[in-house]
């Protein structure tokens, strides 16, 4: 990780994500938030996850960014609410009961051996031909998966067979600072 965000910075990012979602769904636009905190202006990837009743409702992110973190959080929050193809776009009636979780990412690191994967610490990104899939570090912990199950589930998410990660697949790991409402 480049920087560990302070609690005040985490709260500001969570508020920013929530405000972006509510603003976009109610008005169709989002106001950029101006900040001076260096950590929030850093160029880091992030994912924004939305949950309703404890269940995933949307999750979208980028591993790299040419925009300040606070701006990427706004964009990914709106995308998670409106563009995750697994869910219908959020509507005004969905705004009364949702929570936001943000994962600020370290850079991707290609690995030579799956032994390098630490379940609960690392997320996985798989790449094979036109198949790509990612699962955040907290997913394996939430489901109680071991390393093999984590790799299999990431392969399935990438649209591959569950054991296709074993051959001709580039495997990357990353860590994340995860915080939520």
N, C-alpha and C. Protein backbone atom coordinates (compact mmCIF):
# COMPACT_ATOMS: atom_id res chain seq x y z
N UNK A 1 0.85 -1.19 0.00
CA UNK A 1 0.00 0.00 0.00
C UNK A 1 0.88 1.24 0.00
N UNK A 2 0.45 2.23 -0.75
CA UNK A 2 1.20 3.47 -0.74
C UNK A 2 1.01 4.20 0.58
N UNK A 3 -0.21 4.48 0.94
CA UNK A 3 -0.50 5.24 2.16
C UNK A 3 -1.63 4.53 2.91
N UNK A 4 -1.52 4.50 4.22
CA UNK A 4 -2.67 4.06 5.00
C UNK A 4 -3.51 5.30 5.26
N UNK A 5 -4.77 5.23 4.92
CA UNK A 5 -5.64 6.37 5.13
C UNK A 5 -6.01 6.49 6.60
N UNK A 6 -6.05 7.72 7.08
CA UNK A 6 -6.48 7.98 8.46
C UNK A 6 -8.00 7.81 8.54
N UNK A 7 -8.51 7.64 9.76
CA UNK A 7 -9.96 7.46 9.94
C UNK A 7 -10.75 8.64 9.39
N UNK A 8 -10.24 9.85 9.58
CA UNK A 8 -10.95 11.03 9.06
C UNK A 8 -11.02 10.98 7.53
N UNK A 9 -9.95 10.51 6.89
CA UNK A 9 -9.93 10.40 5.43
C UNK A 9 -10.87 9.29 4.97
N UNK A 10 -10.91 8.19 5.71
CA UNK A 10 -11.83 7.10 5.37
C UNK A 10 -13.27 7.60 5.44
N UNK A 11 -13.61 8.30 6.53
CA UNK A 11 -14.97 8.83 6.69
C UNK A 11 -15.33 9.78 5.54
N UNK A 12 -14.38 10.63 5.17
CA UNK A 12 -14.62 11.57 4.08
C UNK A 12 -14.87 10.84 2.77
N UNK A 13 -14.10 9.78 2.50
CA UNK A 13 -14.31 9.01 1.28
C UNK A 13 -15.68 8.31 1.30
N UNK A 14 -16.06 7.75 2.45
CA UNK A 14 -17.36 7.10 2.56
C UNK A 14 -18.50 8.10 2.35
N UNK A 15 -18.38 9.29 2.96
CA UNK A 15 -19.39 10.34 2.77
C UNK A 15 -19.45 10.76 1.30
N UNK A 16 -18.28 10.87 0.68
CA UNK A 16 -18.20 11.27 -0.72
C UNK A 16 -18.87 10.25 -1.62
N UNK A 17 -18.63 8.96 -1.36
CA UNK A 17 -19.25 7.90 -2.15
C UNK A 17 -20.77 7.93 -2.00
N UNK A 18 -21.24 8.03 -0.76
CA UNK A 18 -22.68 8.06 -0.50
C UNK A 18 -23.32 9.27 -1.18
N UNK A 19 -22.71 10.44 -1.02
CA UNK A 19 -23.25 11.66 -1.64
C UNK A 19 -23.29 11.55 -3.15
N UNK A 20 -22.27 10.94 -3.75
CA UNK A 20 -22.22 10.77 -5.21
C UNK A 20 -23.36 9.88 -5.69
N UNK A 21 -23.61 8.79 -4.97
CA UNK A 21 -24.70 7.87 -5.34
C UNK A 21 -26.04 8.57 -5.24
N UNK A 22 -26.30 9.20 -4.10
CA UNK A 22 -27.59 9.86 -3.88
C UNK A 22 -27.78 10.99 -4.89
N UNK A 23 -26.75 11.80 -5.10
CA UNK A 23 -26.85 12.92 -6.02
C UNK A 23 -27.11 12.44 -7.45
N UNK A 24 -26.37 11.43 -7.89
CA UNK A 24 -26.54 10.96 -9.26
C UNK A 24 -27.93 10.37 -9.48
N UNK A 25 -28.41 9.61 -8.52
CA UNK A 25 -29.71 8.96 -8.70
C UNK A 25 -30.86 9.96 -8.59
N UNK A 26 -30.68 11.01 -7.79
CA UNK A 26 -31.78 11.98 -7.64
C UNK A 26 -31.69 13.13 -8.65
N UNK A 27 -30.48 13.51 -9.09
CA UNK A 27 -30.36 14.67 -9.99
C UNK A 27 -29.69 14.35 -11.33
N UNK A 28 -29.03 13.19 -11.43
CA UNK A 28 -28.34 12.84 -12.67
C UNK A 28 -26.95 13.42 -12.79
N UNK A 29 -26.47 14.08 -11.73
CA UNK A 29 -25.11 14.63 -11.78
C UNK A 29 -24.45 14.55 -10.41
N UNK A 30 -23.14 14.78 -10.40
CA UNK A 30 -22.34 14.71 -9.17
C UNK A 30 -21.42 15.93 -9.13
N UNK A 31 -21.35 16.57 -7.97
CA UNK A 31 -20.41 17.68 -7.77
C UNK A 31 -19.06 17.12 -7.35
N UNK A 32 -17.99 17.54 -8.02
CA UNK A 32 -16.66 17.12 -7.58
C UNK A 32 -16.36 17.75 -6.23
N UNK A 33 -15.78 16.95 -5.35
CA UNK A 33 -15.45 17.43 -4.01
C UNK A 33 -13.99 17.87 -4.00
N UNK A 34 -13.75 19.04 -3.51
CA UNK A 34 -12.38 19.56 -3.41
C UNK A 34 -11.81 19.23 -2.03
N UNK A 35 -10.61 18.69 -2.03
CA UNK A 35 -9.93 18.37 -0.76
C UNK A 35 -8.47 18.77 -0.87
N UNK A 36 -7.85 18.92 0.28
CA UNK A 36 -6.43 19.26 0.32
C UNK A 36 -5.59 18.08 0.81
N UNK A 37 -6.23 17.08 1.42
CA UNK A 37 -5.49 15.95 1.99
C UNK A 37 -4.73 15.21 0.90
N UNK A 38 -3.41 15.15 1.07
CA UNK A 38 -2.55 14.53 0.07
C UNK A 38 -2.95 13.09 -0.24
N UNK A 39 -3.29 12.31 0.80
CA UNK A 39 -3.67 10.91 0.58
C UNK A 39 -4.89 10.77 -0.33
N UNK A 40 -5.81 11.73 -0.26
CA UNK A 40 -7.02 11.66 -1.06
C UNK A 40 -6.81 12.17 -2.48
N UNK A 41 -5.64 12.74 -2.73
CA UNK A 41 -5.29 13.21 -4.06
C UNK A 41 -4.32 12.26 -4.76
N UNK A 42 -3.92 11.18 -4.06
CA UNK A 42 -2.98 10.22 -4.63
C UNK A 42 -3.66 9.45 -5.77
N UNK A 43 -2.84 8.93 -6.66
CA UNK A 43 -3.35 8.17 -7.80
C UNK A 43 -3.30 6.68 -7.44
N UNK A 44 -4.39 6.19 -6.88
CA UNK A 44 -4.49 4.79 -6.46
C UNK A 44 -5.79 4.22 -6.99
N UNK A 45 -5.79 2.92 -7.22
CA UNK A 45 -7.00 2.24 -7.62
C UNK A 45 -7.91 2.01 -6.42
N UNK A 46 -9.18 1.79 -6.71
CA UNK A 46 -10.13 1.47 -5.65
C UNK A 46 -11.34 0.74 -6.22
N UNK A 47 -12.03 0.04 -5.36
CA UNK A 47 -13.32 -0.55 -5.68
C UNK A 47 -14.32 0.00 -4.68
N UNK A 48 -15.53 0.24 -5.14
CA UNK A 48 -16.62 0.64 -4.26
C UNK A 48 -17.68 -0.45 -4.33
N UNK A 49 -18.06 -0.96 -3.16
CA UNK A 49 -19.09 -1.99 -3.05
C UNK A 49 -20.30 -1.39 -2.36
N UNK A 50 -21.47 -1.74 -2.86
CA UNK A 50 -22.73 -1.31 -2.25
C UNK A 50 -23.45 -2.56 -1.77
N UNK A 51 -23.95 -2.52 -0.56
CA UNK A 51 -24.71 -3.64 -0.02
C UNK A 51 -26.08 -3.16 0.43
N UNK A 52 -27.06 -4.05 0.25
CA UNK A 52 -28.42 -3.80 0.75
C UNK A 52 -28.82 -5.05 1.52
N UNK A 53 -29.29 -4.86 2.74
CA UNK A 53 -29.66 -5.98 3.61
C UNK A 53 -28.52 -6.99 3.74
N UNK A 54 -27.29 -6.49 3.81
CA UNK A 54 -26.14 -7.35 3.98
C UNK A 54 -25.69 -8.09 2.74
N UNK A 55 -26.38 -7.90 1.61
CA UNK A 55 -26.04 -8.60 0.37
C UNK A 55 -25.48 -7.63 -0.65
N UNK A 56 -24.54 -8.11 -1.46
CA UNK A 56 -23.94 -7.28 -2.49
C UNK A 56 -25.01 -6.72 -3.42
N UNK A 57 -24.90 -5.44 -3.74
CA UNK A 57 -25.85 -4.75 -4.61
C UNK A 57 -25.15 -4.11 -5.80
N UNK A 58 -23.84 -4.05 -5.72
CA UNK A 58 -23.05 -3.49 -6.81
C UNK A 58 -21.61 -3.35 -6.37
N UNK A 59 -20.68 -3.58 -7.29
CA UNK A 59 -19.25 -3.44 -6.98
C UNK A 59 -18.50 -3.20 -8.27
N UNK A 60 -17.85 -2.05 -8.34
CA UNK A 60 -17.07 -1.71 -9.53
C UNK A 60 -15.83 -0.95 -9.06
N UNK A 61 -14.73 -1.14 -9.80
CA UNK A 61 -13.51 -0.44 -9.46
C UNK A 61 -12.51 -0.45 -10.59
N UNK A 62 -11.39 0.18 -10.33
CA UNK A 62 -10.24 0.24 -11.24
C UNK A 62 -8.97 -0.02 -10.45
N UNK A 63 -8.04 -0.74 -11.06
CA UNK A 63 -6.77 -1.00 -10.40
C UNK A 63 -5.82 0.18 -10.48
N UNK A 64 -5.94 0.96 -11.53
CA UNK A 64 -5.06 2.11 -11.70
C UNK A 64 -5.92 3.33 -11.97
N UNK A 65 -5.35 4.49 -11.73
CA UNK A 65 -6.12 5.71 -11.95
C UNK A 65 -5.19 6.85 -12.32
N UNK A 66 -5.68 7.68 -13.23
CA UNK A 66 -4.97 8.92 -13.54
C UNK A 66 -5.70 10.10 -12.90
N UNK A 67 -6.63 9.75 -11.98
CA UNK A 67 -7.42 10.77 -11.27
C UNK A 67 -7.14 10.66 -9.78
N UNK A 68 -7.35 11.74 -9.05
CA UNK A 68 -7.19 11.67 -7.59
C UNK A 68 -8.15 10.63 -7.00
N UNK A 69 -7.71 9.99 -5.94
CA UNK A 69 -8.49 8.93 -5.29
C UNK A 69 -9.92 9.39 -4.99
N UNK A 70 -10.09 10.59 -4.47
CA UNK A 70 -11.43 11.04 -4.10
C UNK A 70 -12.35 11.11 -5.32
N UNK A 71 -11.80 11.49 -6.47
CA UNK A 71 -12.60 11.55 -7.69
C UNK A 71 -12.91 10.15 -8.20
N UNK A 72 -11.94 9.24 -8.13
CA UNK A 72 -12.17 7.86 -8.55
C UNK A 72 -13.24 7.21 -7.67
N UNK A 73 -13.22 7.49 -6.36
CA UNK A 73 -14.24 6.96 -5.46
C UNK A 73 -15.62 7.43 -5.91
N UNK A 74 -15.76 8.70 -6.25
CA UNK A 74 -17.06 9.21 -6.72
C UNK A 74 -17.51 8.45 -7.97
N UNK A 75 -16.60 8.31 -8.94
CA UNK A 75 -16.96 7.65 -10.19
C UNK A 75 -17.30 6.18 -9.99
N UNK A 76 -16.52 5.48 -9.17
CA UNK A 76 -16.77 4.06 -8.94
C UNK A 76 -18.05 3.84 -8.12
N UNK A 77 -18.36 4.79 -7.23
CA UNK A 77 -19.60 4.68 -6.45
C UNK A 77 -20.81 4.78 -7.37
N UNK A 78 -20.79 5.75 -8.27
CA UNK A 78 -21.89 5.91 -9.22
C UNK A 78 -21.96 4.69 -10.14
N UNK A 79 -20.82 4.20 -10.60
CA UNK A 79 -20.80 3.03 -11.48
C UNK A 79 -21.33 1.78 -10.75
N UNK A 80 -20.94 1.61 -9.49
CA UNK A 80 -21.42 0.45 -8.72
C UNK A 80 -22.94 0.52 -8.54
N UNK A 81 -23.47 1.73 -8.42
CA UNK A 81 -24.91 1.91 -8.23
C UNK A 81 -25.69 1.76 -9.53
N UNK A 82 -25.06 2.06 -10.66
CA UNK A 82 -25.83 2.15 -11.89
C UNK A 82 -25.34 1.28 -13.05
N UNK A 83 -24.11 0.76 -12.97
CA UNK A 83 -23.55 0.08 -14.14
C UNK A 83 -23.08 -1.35 -13.89
N UNK A 84 -23.21 -1.88 -12.68
CA UNK A 84 -22.83 -3.27 -12.44
C UNK A 84 -23.85 -4.15 -13.18
N UNK A 85 -23.40 -4.90 -14.19
CA UNK A 85 -24.35 -5.66 -15.02
C UNK A 85 -25.09 -6.77 -14.26
N UNK A 86 -24.66 -7.09 -13.06
CA UNK A 86 -25.33 -8.14 -12.28
C UNK A 86 -26.61 -7.63 -11.62
N UNK A 87 -26.81 -6.31 -11.61
CA UNK A 87 -27.93 -5.72 -10.89
C UNK A 87 -28.60 -4.64 -11.72
N UNK A 88 -29.87 -4.38 -11.46
CA UNK A 88 -30.54 -3.25 -12.12
C UNK A 88 -29.98 -1.95 -11.52
N UNK A 89 -29.98 -0.88 -12.29
CA UNK A 89 -29.49 0.40 -11.74
C UNK A 89 -30.33 0.81 -10.52
N UNK A 90 -29.67 1.30 -9.50
CA UNK A 90 -30.39 1.74 -8.30
C UNK A 90 -31.38 2.86 -8.67
N UNK A 91 -32.50 2.86 -7.96
CA UNK A 91 -33.54 3.88 -8.16
C UNK A 91 -33.71 4.64 -6.84
N UNK A 92 -34.49 5.69 -6.89
CA UNK A 92 -34.70 6.53 -5.69
C UNK A 92 -35.16 5.71 -4.49
N UNK A 93 -36.04 4.74 -4.72
CA UNK A 93 -36.54 3.93 -3.59
C UNK A 93 -35.45 3.06 -2.97
N UNK A 94 -34.32 2.85 -3.67
CA UNK A 94 -33.23 2.05 -3.11
C UNK A 94 -32.33 2.88 -2.19
N UNK A 95 -32.51 4.18 -2.17
CA UNK A 95 -31.60 5.06 -1.44
C UNK A 95 -31.82 5.06 0.07
N UNK A 96 -32.92 4.47 0.52
CA UNK A 96 -33.21 4.52 1.96
C UNK A 96 -32.43 3.48 2.75
N UNK A 97 -31.90 2.46 2.09
CA UNK A 97 -31.30 1.37 2.85
C UNK A 97 -30.13 0.73 2.11
N UNK A 98 -28.98 1.40 2.12
CA UNK A 98 -27.78 0.79 1.53
C UNK A 98 -26.56 1.21 2.34
N UNK A 99 -25.52 0.41 2.25
CA UNK A 99 -24.25 0.75 2.87
C UNK A 99 -23.15 0.71 1.82
N UNK A 100 -22.09 1.43 2.10
CA UNK A 100 -20.97 1.55 1.18
C UNK A 100 -19.71 1.00 1.84
N UNK A 101 -18.92 0.27 1.04
CA UNK A 101 -17.61 -0.20 1.47
C UNK A 101 -16.62 0.19 0.38
N UNK A 102 -15.46 0.67 0.79
CA UNK A 102 -14.42 1.09 -0.15
C UNK A 102 -13.17 0.26 0.10
N UNK A 103 -12.57 -0.19 -0.99
CA UNK A 103 -11.29 -0.91 -0.94
C UNK A 103 -10.28 -0.10 -1.73
N UNK A 104 -9.30 0.48 -1.03
CA UNK A 104 -8.24 1.24 -1.70
C UNK A 104 -7.10 0.25 -1.95
N UNK A 105 -6.67 0.16 -3.20
CA UNK A 105 -5.81 -0.94 -3.63
C UNK A 105 -4.33 -0.59 -3.71
N UNK A 106 -3.52 -1.61 -3.46
CA UNK A 106 -2.10 -1.53 -3.77
C UNK A 106 -1.95 -1.85 -5.26
N UNK A 107 -0.80 -1.58 -5.85
CA UNK A 107 -0.60 -1.98 -7.25
C UNK A 107 -0.65 -3.50 -7.41
N UNK A 108 -1.03 -3.95 -8.61
CA UNK A 108 -1.02 -5.38 -8.92
C UNK A 108 0.41 -5.91 -8.94
N UNK A 109 0.57 -7.14 -8.49
CA UNK A 109 1.88 -7.79 -8.49
C UNK A 109 1.71 -9.18 -9.09
N UNK A 110 2.36 -9.42 -10.22
CA UNK A 110 2.29 -10.74 -10.86
C UNK A 110 3.07 -11.73 -10.00
N UNK A 111 2.48 -12.93 -9.80
CA UNK A 111 3.16 -13.92 -8.97
C UNK A 111 3.58 -15.13 -9.80
N UNK A 112 4.61 -15.82 -9.32
CA UNK A 112 5.13 -17.01 -10.00
C UNK A 112 4.54 -18.27 -9.39
N UNK A 113 4.08 -18.19 -8.14
CA UNK A 113 3.56 -19.37 -7.45
C UNK A 113 2.35 -18.98 -6.62
N UNK A 114 1.35 -19.86 -6.60
CA UNK A 114 0.16 -19.56 -5.80
C UNK A 114 0.47 -19.55 -4.31
N UNK A 115 1.63 -20.10 -3.93
CA UNK A 115 2.05 -20.07 -2.52
C UNK A 115 2.20 -18.63 -2.02
N UNK A 116 2.36 -17.69 -2.94
CA UNK A 116 2.51 -16.27 -2.56
C UNK A 116 1.18 -15.65 -2.12
N UNK A 117 0.06 -16.31 -2.43
CA UNK A 117 -1.26 -15.77 -2.09
C UNK A 117 -1.55 -16.01 -0.62
N UNK A 118 -1.79 -14.93 0.11
CA UNK A 118 -2.19 -15.02 1.52
C UNK A 118 -3.68 -14.72 1.60
N UNK A 119 -4.48 -15.76 1.86
CA UNK A 119 -5.92 -15.58 1.95
C UNK A 119 -6.23 -14.63 3.11
N UNK A 120 -7.09 -13.66 2.85
CA UNK A 120 -7.44 -12.67 3.85
C UNK A 120 -6.60 -11.41 3.74
N UNK A 121 -5.44 -11.52 3.08
CA UNK A 121 -4.57 -10.36 2.87
C UNK A 121 -4.59 -9.92 1.42
N UNK A 122 -4.58 -10.89 0.51
CA UNK A 122 -4.50 -10.59 -0.91
C UNK A 122 -5.83 -10.79 -1.63
N UNK A 123 -6.05 -9.94 -2.61
CA UNK A 123 -7.08 -10.18 -3.60
C UNK A 123 -6.41 -10.83 -4.79
N UNK A 124 -7.22 -11.38 -5.68
CA UNK A 124 -6.68 -12.08 -6.85
C UNK A 124 -7.27 -11.47 -8.12
N UNK A 125 -6.39 -11.29 -9.10
CA UNK A 125 -6.80 -10.88 -10.44
C UNK A 125 -6.23 -11.90 -11.41
N UNK A 126 -7.10 -12.55 -12.18
CA UNK A 126 -6.69 -13.56 -13.16
C UNK A 126 -6.88 -13.02 -14.57
N UNK A 127 -5.95 -13.41 -15.45
CA UNK A 127 -6.03 -12.97 -16.83
C UNK A 127 -5.61 -14.14 -17.72
N UNK A 128 -6.50 -14.53 -18.65
CA UNK A 128 -6.21 -15.60 -19.58
C UNK A 128 -6.94 -15.30 -20.88
N UNK A 129 -6.19 -15.04 -21.93
CA UNK A 129 -6.78 -14.64 -23.21
C UNK A 129 -7.73 -13.47 -22.98
N UNK A 130 -9.02 -13.66 -23.29
CA UNK A 130 -9.97 -12.55 -23.12
C UNK A 130 -10.73 -12.65 -21.80
N UNK A 131 -10.35 -13.59 -20.96
CA UNK A 131 -11.01 -13.76 -19.67
C UNK A 131 -10.26 -13.00 -18.59
N UNK A 132 -11.02 -12.24 -17.79
CA UNK A 132 -10.44 -11.51 -16.67
C UNK A 132 -11.41 -11.58 -15.50
N UNK A 133 -10.86 -11.77 -14.32
CA UNK A 133 -11.72 -11.81 -13.15
C UNK A 133 -10.96 -11.34 -11.93
N UNK A 134 -11.69 -10.72 -11.02
CA UNK A 134 -11.08 -10.22 -9.80
C UNK A 134 -12.00 -10.49 -8.62
N UNK A 135 -11.40 -10.85 -7.51
CA UNK A 135 -12.11 -10.91 -6.24
C UNK A 135 -11.26 -10.18 -5.21
N UNK A 136 -11.92 -9.33 -4.43
CA UNK A 136 -11.23 -8.54 -3.41
C UNK A 136 -10.81 -9.43 -2.24
N UNK A 137 -9.81 -9.00 -1.46
CA UNK A 137 -9.31 -9.83 -0.36
C UNK A 137 -10.38 -10.27 0.63
N UNK A 138 -11.34 -9.38 0.92
CA UNK A 138 -12.34 -9.67 1.94
C UNK A 138 -13.34 -10.75 1.51
N UNK A 139 -13.44 -11.03 0.21
CA UNK A 139 -14.41 -12.01 -0.28
C UNK A 139 -14.07 -13.41 0.23
N UNK A 140 -12.80 -13.78 0.15
CA UNK A 140 -12.40 -15.12 0.62
C UNK A 140 -12.68 -15.28 2.10
N UNK A 141 -12.44 -14.24 2.86
CA UNK A 141 -12.69 -14.28 4.31
C UNK A 141 -14.18 -14.39 4.59
N UNK A 142 -14.99 -13.58 3.88
CA UNK A 142 -16.45 -13.59 4.09
C UNK A 142 -17.05 -14.97 3.83
N UNK A 143 -16.50 -15.69 2.84
CA UNK A 143 -17.04 -17.00 2.48
C UNK A 143 -16.28 -18.17 3.12
N UNK A 144 -15.20 -17.88 3.84
CA UNK A 144 -14.43 -18.94 4.49
C UNK A 144 -13.67 -19.82 3.50
N UNK A 145 -13.24 -19.26 2.38
CA UNK A 145 -12.54 -20.03 1.36
C UNK A 145 -11.07 -20.21 1.69
N UNK A 146 -10.52 -21.35 1.29
CA UNK A 146 -9.08 -21.54 1.32
C UNK A 146 -8.52 -21.03 -0.02
N UNK A 147 -7.22 -21.14 -0.22
CA UNK A 147 -6.56 -20.61 -1.42
C UNK A 147 -7.15 -21.22 -2.70
N UNK A 148 -7.32 -22.55 -2.73
CA UNK A 148 -7.84 -23.20 -3.93
C UNK A 148 -9.26 -22.73 -4.26
N UNK A 149 -10.11 -22.67 -3.26
CA UNK A 149 -11.48 -22.21 -3.48
C UNK A 149 -11.49 -20.77 -3.98
N UNK A 150 -10.60 -19.94 -3.43
CA UNK A 150 -10.50 -18.55 -3.84
C UNK A 150 -10.10 -18.46 -5.32
N UNK A 151 -9.11 -19.24 -5.72
CA UNK A 151 -8.68 -19.27 -7.12
C UNK A 151 -9.79 -19.80 -8.03
N UNK A 152 -10.47 -20.85 -7.59
CA UNK A 152 -11.56 -21.42 -8.38
C UNK A 152 -12.69 -20.42 -8.58
N UNK A 153 -13.06 -19.73 -7.51
CA UNK A 153 -14.15 -18.76 -7.59
C UNK A 153 -13.76 -17.55 -8.46
N UNK A 154 -12.49 -17.16 -8.41
CA UNK A 154 -12.04 -16.06 -9.26
C UNK A 154 -12.07 -16.50 -10.72
N UNK A 155 -11.66 -17.74 -10.99
CA UNK A 155 -11.72 -18.27 -12.36
C UNK A 155 -13.15 -18.31 -12.87
N UNK A 156 -14.08 -18.78 -12.04
CA UNK A 156 -15.48 -18.81 -12.45
C UNK A 156 -16.00 -17.40 -12.74
N UNK A 157 -15.63 -16.44 -11.90
CA UNK A 157 -16.06 -15.06 -12.12
C UNK A 157 -15.51 -14.52 -13.44
N UNK A 158 -14.33 -15.01 -13.83
CA UNK A 158 -13.71 -14.58 -15.08
C UNK A 158 -14.34 -15.26 -16.30
N UNK A 159 -15.29 -16.18 -16.04
CA UNK A 159 -15.94 -16.88 -17.15
C UNK A 159 -15.15 -18.09 -17.62
N UNK A 160 -14.21 -18.54 -16.79
CA UNK A 160 -13.40 -19.72 -17.11
C UNK A 160 -13.94 -20.91 -16.33
N UNK A 161 -13.40 -22.09 -16.63
CA UNK A 161 -13.72 -23.25 -15.82
C UNK A 161 -13.05 -23.10 -14.46
N UNK A 162 -13.57 -23.80 -13.45
CA UNK A 162 -13.09 -23.59 -12.08
C UNK A 162 -11.61 -23.91 -11.90
N UNK A 163 -11.04 -24.80 -12.70
CA UNK A 163 -9.62 -25.14 -12.56
C UNK A 163 -8.76 -24.58 -13.68
N UNK A 164 -9.33 -23.73 -14.52
CA UNK A 164 -8.57 -23.17 -15.65
C UNK A 164 -7.42 -22.26 -15.20
N UNK A 165 -7.44 -21.80 -13.97
CA UNK A 165 -6.37 -20.94 -13.47
C UNK A 165 -5.03 -21.69 -13.42
N UNK A 166 -5.08 -23.02 -13.48
CA UNK A 166 -3.86 -23.83 -13.34
C UNK A 166 -2.96 -23.79 -14.56
N UNK A 167 -3.51 -23.41 -15.72
CA UNK A 167 -2.71 -23.42 -16.95
C UNK A 167 -2.88 -22.12 -17.73
N UNK A 168 -1.75 -21.61 -18.25
CA UNK A 168 -1.75 -20.46 -19.16
C UNK A 168 -2.54 -19.27 -18.64
N UNK A 169 -2.49 -19.05 -17.35
CA UNK A 169 -3.21 -17.94 -16.75
C UNK A 169 -2.23 -17.08 -15.95
N UNK A 170 -2.29 -15.78 -16.18
CA UNK A 170 -1.48 -14.86 -15.38
C UNK A 170 -2.25 -14.58 -14.09
N UNK A 171 -1.55 -14.73 -12.98
CA UNK A 171 -2.16 -14.51 -11.67
C UNK A 171 -1.47 -13.33 -11.01
N UNK A 172 -2.29 -12.38 -10.57
CA UNK A 172 -1.79 -11.19 -9.88
C UNK A 172 -2.42 -11.13 -8.50
N UNK A 173 -1.68 -10.56 -7.56
CA UNK A 173 -2.22 -10.31 -6.23
C UNK A 173 -2.14 -8.82 -5.93
N UNK A 174 -2.95 -8.42 -4.97
CA UNK A 174 -2.93 -7.05 -4.49
C UNK A 174 -3.49 -7.06 -3.08
N UNK A 175 -3.20 -6.01 -2.35
CA UNK A 175 -3.80 -5.87 -1.02
C UNK A 175 -4.72 -4.65 -1.06
N UNK A 176 -5.51 -4.51 -0.02
CA UNK A 176 -6.46 -3.40 0.01
C UNK A 176 -6.67 -2.93 1.43
N UNK A 177 -6.83 -1.64 1.57
CA UNK A 177 -7.30 -1.08 2.84
C UNK A 177 -8.81 -0.97 2.69
N UNK A 178 -9.53 -1.76 3.47
CA UNK A 178 -10.97 -1.89 3.33
C UNK A 178 -11.66 -1.23 4.52
N UNK A 179 -12.65 -0.39 4.22
CA UNK A 179 -13.41 0.25 5.29
C UNK A 179 -14.81 0.53 4.78
N UNK A 180 -15.75 0.55 5.70
CA UNK A 180 -17.14 0.75 5.30
C UNK A 180 -17.94 1.45 6.38
N UNK A 181 -19.19 1.71 6.03
CA UNK A 181 -20.09 2.39 6.94
C UNK A 181 -20.55 1.45 8.02
